[in-house]
């Protein structure tokens, strides 16, 4: 009725541990990115002052409009492009190594069985 359970547990393979660590890191990074994307949207609010209140939010006297010079600036700095390309290359290389090791371990397990 009772079975003897030894104190020695089976240790998970290295690939299993790496897979779990990778999954945990992916979940954590996804949560941080979701939070970082939601914070600016949540804190963006248009405050409409009450014109009858006076004080700091009272009516502003009209002034002559100054000429506006539009400076067209945009694009992404080169270091950001380099950083994104480097991160994508590292992610692709890591995924390729994990897939190759997983495929190789399955191949050797099926060949021995």
N, C-alpha and C. Protein backbone atom coordinates (compact mmCIF):
# COMPACT_ATOMS: atom_id res chain seq x y z
N UNK A 1 0.81 -1.18 0.00
CA UNK A 1 0.00 0.00 0.00
C UNK A 1 0.86 1.25 0.00
N UNK A 2 1.94 1.22 0.73
CA UNK A 2 2.84 2.36 0.77
C UNK A 2 4.05 2.08 -0.11
N UNK A 3 4.49 3.08 -0.79
CA UNK A 3 5.69 2.92 -1.59
C UNK A 3 6.82 3.70 -0.95
N UNK A 4 8.00 3.20 -1.13
CA UNK A 4 9.17 3.84 -0.56
C UNK A 4 9.64 4.91 -1.54
N UNK A 5 9.73 6.11 -1.06
CA UNK A 5 10.25 7.20 -1.88
C UNK A 5 11.64 7.56 -1.37
N UNK A 6 12.59 7.42 -2.20
CA UNK A 6 13.96 7.73 -1.77
C UNK A 6 14.14 9.24 -1.65
N UNK A 7 15.09 9.63 -0.87
CA UNK A 7 15.37 11.05 -0.67
C UNK A 7 16.05 11.66 -1.89
N UNK A 8 16.67 10.81 -2.68
CA UNK A 8 17.36 11.33 -3.87
C UNK A 8 16.33 11.58 -4.96
N UNK A 9 16.19 12.81 -5.33
CA UNK A 9 15.27 13.14 -6.41
C UNK A 9 15.99 13.13 -7.74
N UNK A 10 15.25 13.02 -8.77
CA UNK A 10 15.88 13.07 -10.08
C UNK A 10 16.15 14.53 -10.43
N UNK A 11 17.31 14.76 -10.95
CA UNK A 11 17.68 16.13 -11.31
C UNK A 11 17.26 16.38 -12.75
N UNK A 12 16.68 17.54 -13.02
CA UNK A 12 16.30 17.83 -14.41
C UNK A 12 17.53 18.05 -15.28
N UNK A 13 17.39 17.78 -16.54
CA UNK A 13 18.48 17.97 -17.47
C UNK A 13 18.83 19.44 -17.59
N UNK A 14 20.00 19.70 -18.08
CA UNK A 14 20.46 21.08 -18.24
C UNK A 14 19.55 21.84 -19.21
N UNK A 15 19.14 21.18 -20.27
CA UNK A 15 18.27 21.86 -21.24
C UNK A 15 16.91 22.19 -20.63
N UNK A 16 16.42 21.33 -19.73
CA UNK A 16 15.15 21.62 -19.07
C UNK A 16 15.29 22.84 -18.18
N UNK A 17 16.40 22.91 -17.45
CA UNK A 17 16.61 24.08 -16.60
C UNK A 17 16.76 25.34 -17.43
N UNK A 18 17.53 25.25 -18.52
CA UNK A 18 17.71 26.43 -19.38
C UNK A 18 16.38 26.87 -19.98
N UNK A 19 15.56 25.90 -20.38
CA UNK A 19 14.26 26.23 -20.94
C UNK A 19 13.37 26.93 -19.92
N UNK A 20 13.42 26.45 -18.68
CA UNK A 20 12.61 27.09 -17.63
C UNK A 20 13.11 28.50 -17.33
N UNK A 21 14.44 28.66 -17.24
CA UNK A 21 15.00 29.98 -16.99
C UNK A 21 14.66 30.92 -18.12
N UNK A 22 14.75 30.44 -19.36
CA UNK A 22 14.41 31.27 -20.51
C UNK A 22 12.94 31.67 -20.48
N UNK A 23 12.07 30.75 -20.11
CA UNK A 23 10.64 31.07 -20.04
C UNK A 23 10.37 32.10 -18.95
N UNK A 24 11.02 31.95 -17.81
CA UNK A 24 10.82 32.91 -16.72
C UNK A 24 11.31 34.29 -17.12
N UNK A 25 12.49 34.35 -17.76
CA UNK A 25 13.01 35.64 -18.21
C UNK A 25 12.12 36.27 -19.27
N UNK A 26 11.58 35.45 -20.17
CA UNK A 26 10.70 35.98 -21.21
C UNK A 26 9.43 36.55 -20.59
N UNK A 27 8.89 35.87 -19.60
CA UNK A 27 7.69 36.37 -18.93
C UNK A 27 7.99 37.67 -18.20
N UNK A 28 9.13 37.72 -17.51
CA UNK A 28 9.49 38.93 -16.77
C UNK A 28 9.72 40.11 -17.71
N UNK A 29 10.43 39.87 -18.80
CA UNK A 29 10.70 40.95 -19.75
C UNK A 29 9.41 41.40 -20.42
N UNK A 30 8.54 40.46 -20.75
CA UNK A 30 7.24 40.82 -21.33
C UNK A 30 6.41 41.67 -20.38
N UNK A 31 6.43 41.32 -19.10
CA UNK A 31 5.71 42.11 -18.11
C UNK A 31 6.26 43.52 -17.98
N UNK A 32 7.59 43.63 -17.97
CA UNK A 32 8.21 44.96 -17.87
C UNK A 32 7.90 45.79 -19.11
N UNK A 33 7.96 45.18 -20.28
CA UNK A 33 7.65 45.92 -21.51
C UNK A 33 6.18 46.34 -21.55
N UNK A 34 5.28 45.48 -21.11
CA UNK A 34 3.86 45.84 -21.07
C UNK A 34 3.62 46.98 -20.10
N UNK A 35 4.29 46.91 -18.96
CA UNK A 35 4.16 48.00 -17.97
C UNK A 35 4.72 49.30 -18.53
N UNK A 36 5.88 49.23 -19.20
CA UNK A 36 6.49 50.43 -19.76
C UNK A 36 5.63 51.03 -20.87
N UNK A 37 4.91 50.19 -21.59
CA UNK A 37 4.05 50.70 -22.66
C UNK A 37 2.77 51.30 -22.08
N UNK A 38 2.31 50.77 -20.96
CA UNK A 38 1.05 51.24 -20.39
C UNK A 38 1.21 52.51 -19.55
N UNK A 39 2.36 52.71 -18.94
CA UNK A 39 2.55 53.85 -18.05
C UNK A 39 2.41 55.19 -18.78
N UNK A 40 3.09 55.41 -19.92
CA UNK A 40 2.92 56.71 -20.58
C UNK A 40 1.47 56.95 -21.03
N UNK A 41 0.80 55.90 -21.48
CA UNK A 41 -0.58 56.07 -21.93
C UNK A 41 -1.50 56.37 -20.76
N UNK A 42 -1.24 55.77 -19.61
CA UNK A 42 -2.09 55.99 -18.45
C UNK A 42 -1.87 57.36 -17.83
N UNK A 43 -0.63 57.87 -17.92
CA UNK A 43 -0.35 59.15 -17.27
C UNK A 43 -0.59 60.34 -18.20
N UNK A 44 -0.94 60.08 -19.45
CA UNK A 44 -1.20 61.18 -20.38
C UNK A 44 -2.63 61.68 -20.15
N UNK A 45 -2.73 62.87 -19.66
CA UNK A 45 -4.04 63.45 -19.38
C UNK A 45 -4.01 64.91 -19.79
N UNK A 46 -5.11 65.39 -20.28
CA UNK A 46 -5.24 66.79 -20.65
C UNK A 46 -6.00 67.48 -19.52
N UNK A 47 -5.31 68.39 -18.86
CA UNK A 47 -5.92 69.13 -17.77
C UNK A 47 -6.55 70.39 -18.33
N UNK A 48 -7.84 70.52 -18.17
CA UNK A 48 -8.55 71.69 -18.65
C UNK A 48 -8.81 72.59 -17.45
N UNK A 49 -8.16 73.74 -17.42
CA UNK A 49 -8.35 74.63 -16.28
C UNK A 49 -9.73 75.30 -16.32
N UNK A 50 -10.21 75.61 -15.15
CA UNK A 50 -11.48 76.30 -15.02
C UNK A 50 -11.23 77.79 -15.23
N UNK A 51 -11.80 78.39 -16.30
CA UNK A 51 -11.50 79.80 -16.58
C UNK A 51 -12.06 80.76 -15.51
N UNK A 52 -13.05 80.34 -14.80
CA UNK A 52 -13.61 81.23 -13.80
C UNK A 52 -12.90 81.18 -12.47
N UNK A 53 -11.94 80.28 -12.32
CA UNK A 53 -11.29 80.11 -11.02
C UNK A 53 -10.27 81.19 -10.75
N UNK A 54 -9.66 81.75 -11.77
CA UNK A 54 -8.62 82.75 -11.55
C UNK A 54 -7.35 82.09 -11.04
N UNK A 55 -6.43 82.89 -10.58
CA UNK A 55 -5.19 82.34 -10.03
C UNK A 55 -4.29 81.80 -11.12
N UNK A 56 -3.58 80.72 -10.80
CA UNK A 56 -2.60 80.16 -11.73
C UNK A 56 -3.26 79.60 -12.98
N UNK A 57 -4.51 79.15 -12.86
CA UNK A 57 -5.19 78.58 -14.01
C UNK A 57 -6.24 79.53 -14.58
N UNK A 58 -6.12 80.77 -14.26
CA UNK A 58 -7.08 81.76 -14.74
C UNK A 58 -6.89 82.06 -16.21
N UNK A 59 -7.68 82.98 -16.74
CA UNK A 59 -7.56 83.32 -18.15
C UNK A 59 -6.22 83.97 -18.46
N UNK A 60 -5.65 83.60 -19.59
CA UNK A 60 -4.36 84.13 -20.02
C UNK A 60 -4.63 85.28 -20.98
N UNK A 61 -3.95 86.42 -20.75
CA UNK A 61 -4.15 87.53 -21.67
C UNK A 61 -3.63 87.18 -23.07
N UNK A 62 -4.34 87.63 -24.06
CA UNK A 62 -3.96 87.33 -25.44
C UNK A 62 -2.71 88.10 -25.80
N UNK A 63 -1.79 87.43 -26.48
CA UNK A 63 -0.55 88.06 -26.93
C UNK A 63 -0.45 87.87 -28.43
N UNK A 64 0.36 88.71 -29.03
CA UNK A 64 0.56 88.59 -30.48
C UNK A 64 1.33 87.31 -30.76
N UNK A 65 0.90 86.61 -31.77
CA UNK A 65 1.54 85.34 -32.12
C UNK A 65 2.90 85.59 -32.73
N UNK A 66 3.89 84.89 -32.23
CA UNK A 66 5.23 85.01 -32.77
C UNK A 66 5.37 84.06 -33.97
N UNK A 67 6.19 84.42 -34.92
CA UNK A 67 6.38 83.52 -36.06
C UNK A 67 7.04 82.22 -35.59
N UNK A 68 6.55 81.14 -36.14
CA UNK A 68 7.04 79.82 -35.75
C UNK A 68 7.91 79.27 -36.86
N UNK A 69 9.10 78.82 -36.46
CA UNK A 69 9.99 78.20 -37.43
C UNK A 69 9.97 76.70 -37.19
N UNK A 70 9.58 75.95 -38.20
CA UNK A 70 9.48 74.50 -38.07
C UNK A 70 10.81 73.87 -38.45
N UNK A 71 11.34 73.09 -37.53
CA UNK A 71 12.59 72.38 -37.79
C UNK A 71 12.23 70.91 -37.96
N UNK A 72 12.50 70.41 -39.13
CA UNK A 72 12.17 69.01 -39.39
C UNK A 72 13.33 68.15 -38.90
N UNK A 73 13.10 67.49 -37.82
CA UNK A 73 14.11 66.58 -37.29
C UNK A 73 13.44 65.26 -37.02
N UNK A 74 14.11 64.23 -37.31
CA UNK A 74 13.50 62.93 -37.08
C UNK A 74 14.48 61.83 -37.40
N UNK A 75 13.94 60.67 -37.44
CA UNK A 75 14.78 59.52 -37.70
C UNK A 75 15.28 58.92 -36.42
N UNK A 76 16.07 57.92 -36.57
CA UNK A 76 16.60 57.21 -35.40
C UNK A 76 18.12 57.32 -35.43
N UNK A 77 18.73 57.62 -34.28
CA UNK A 77 20.19 57.69 -34.25
C UNK A 77 20.82 56.35 -34.61
N UNK A 78 22.01 56.41 -35.13
CA UNK A 78 22.70 55.21 -35.59
C UNK A 78 22.97 54.21 -34.48
N UNK A 79 23.24 54.69 -33.27
CA UNK A 79 23.54 53.75 -32.18
C UNK A 79 22.31 52.94 -31.81
N UNK A 80 21.11 53.52 -31.96
CA UNK A 80 19.90 52.75 -31.66
C UNK A 80 19.67 51.67 -32.72
N UNK A 81 19.93 52.01 -33.96
CA UNK A 81 19.78 51.03 -35.04
C UNK A 81 20.77 49.87 -34.82
N UNK A 82 22.00 50.22 -34.45
CA UNK A 82 23.01 49.20 -34.20
C UNK A 82 22.62 48.32 -33.02
N UNK A 83 22.09 48.93 -31.97
CA UNK A 83 21.69 48.17 -30.78
C UNK A 83 20.53 47.23 -31.10
N UNK A 84 19.56 47.68 -31.88
CA UNK A 84 18.43 46.83 -32.25
C UNK A 84 18.90 45.66 -33.12
N UNK A 85 19.78 45.94 -34.07
CA UNK A 85 20.29 44.88 -34.94
C UNK A 85 21.10 43.86 -34.14
N UNK A 86 21.90 44.34 -33.18
CA UNK A 86 22.69 43.44 -32.35
C UNK A 86 21.79 42.57 -31.47
N UNK A 87 20.77 43.16 -30.88
CA UNK A 87 19.84 42.38 -30.04
C UNK A 87 19.09 41.34 -30.87
N UNK A 88 18.69 41.70 -32.08
CA UNK A 88 17.99 40.74 -32.95
C UNK A 88 18.91 39.59 -33.35
N UNK A 89 20.18 39.92 -33.63
CA UNK A 89 21.13 38.87 -34.01
C UNK A 89 21.40 37.93 -32.84
N UNK A 90 21.55 38.48 -31.64
CA UNK A 90 21.76 37.63 -30.46
C UNK A 90 20.56 36.75 -30.16
N UNK A 91 19.36 37.30 -30.30
CA UNK A 91 18.16 36.51 -30.07
C UNK A 91 18.04 35.38 -31.09
N UNK A 92 18.34 35.68 -32.35
CA UNK A 92 18.27 34.65 -33.39
C UNK A 92 19.32 33.56 -33.17
N UNK A 93 20.53 33.97 -32.77
CA UNK A 93 21.59 32.98 -32.53
C UNK A 93 21.24 32.10 -31.33
N UNK A 94 20.70 32.69 -30.28
CA UNK A 94 20.31 31.92 -29.10
C UNK A 94 19.21 30.92 -29.44
N UNK A 95 18.22 31.38 -30.18
CA UNK A 95 17.14 30.47 -30.58
C UNK A 95 17.67 29.34 -31.46
N UNK A 96 18.59 29.65 -32.36
CA UNK A 96 19.15 28.62 -33.24
C UNK A 96 19.93 27.58 -32.44
N UNK A 97 20.69 28.02 -31.44
CA UNK A 97 21.46 27.08 -30.62
C UNK A 97 20.52 26.19 -29.82
N UNK A 98 19.49 26.78 -29.20
CA UNK A 98 18.54 25.98 -28.43
C UNK A 98 17.82 24.97 -29.31
N UNK A 99 17.39 25.39 -30.49
CA UNK A 99 16.70 24.45 -31.38
C UNK A 99 17.63 23.33 -31.84
N UNK A 100 18.88 23.67 -32.14
CA UNK A 100 19.83 22.65 -32.59
C UNK A 100 20.11 21.65 -31.48
N UNK A 101 20.29 22.13 -30.26
CA UNK A 101 20.56 21.22 -29.14
C UNK A 101 19.35 20.35 -28.83
N UNK A 102 18.17 20.93 -28.92
CA UNK A 102 16.96 20.15 -28.67
C UNK A 102 16.79 19.06 -29.73
N UNK A 103 17.01 19.42 -30.98
CA UNK A 103 16.89 18.45 -32.06
C UNK A 103 17.94 17.35 -31.93
N UNK A 104 19.16 17.73 -31.55
CA UNK A 104 20.23 16.74 -31.40
C UNK A 104 19.94 15.80 -30.24
N UNK A 105 19.40 16.32 -29.14
CA UNK A 105 19.11 15.44 -28.00
C UNK A 105 17.96 14.49 -28.33
N UNK A 106 16.99 14.92 -29.09
CA UNK A 106 15.89 14.03 -29.48
C UNK A 106 16.37 12.96 -30.46
N UNK A 107 17.29 13.35 -31.35
CA UNK A 107 17.82 12.42 -32.32
C UNK A 107 18.60 11.32 -31.62
N UNK A 108 19.45 11.70 -30.63
CA UNK A 108 20.25 10.68 -29.94
C UNK A 108 19.38 9.81 -29.04
N UNK A 109 18.32 10.39 -28.46
CA UNK A 109 17.43 9.59 -27.62
C UNK A 109 16.65 8.59 -28.46
N UNK A 110 16.22 8.97 -29.65
CA UNK A 110 15.45 8.04 -30.48
C UNK A 110 16.36 6.99 -31.10
N UNK A 111 17.63 7.31 -31.31
CA UNK A 111 18.55 6.34 -31.89
C UNK A 111 18.95 5.26 -30.89
N UNK A 112 18.99 5.62 -29.59
CA UNK A 112 19.37 4.63 -28.58
C UNK A 112 18.19 3.75 -28.14
N UNK A 113 16.96 4.25 -28.32
CA UNK A 113 15.80 3.52 -27.82
C UNK A 113 15.30 2.57 -28.79
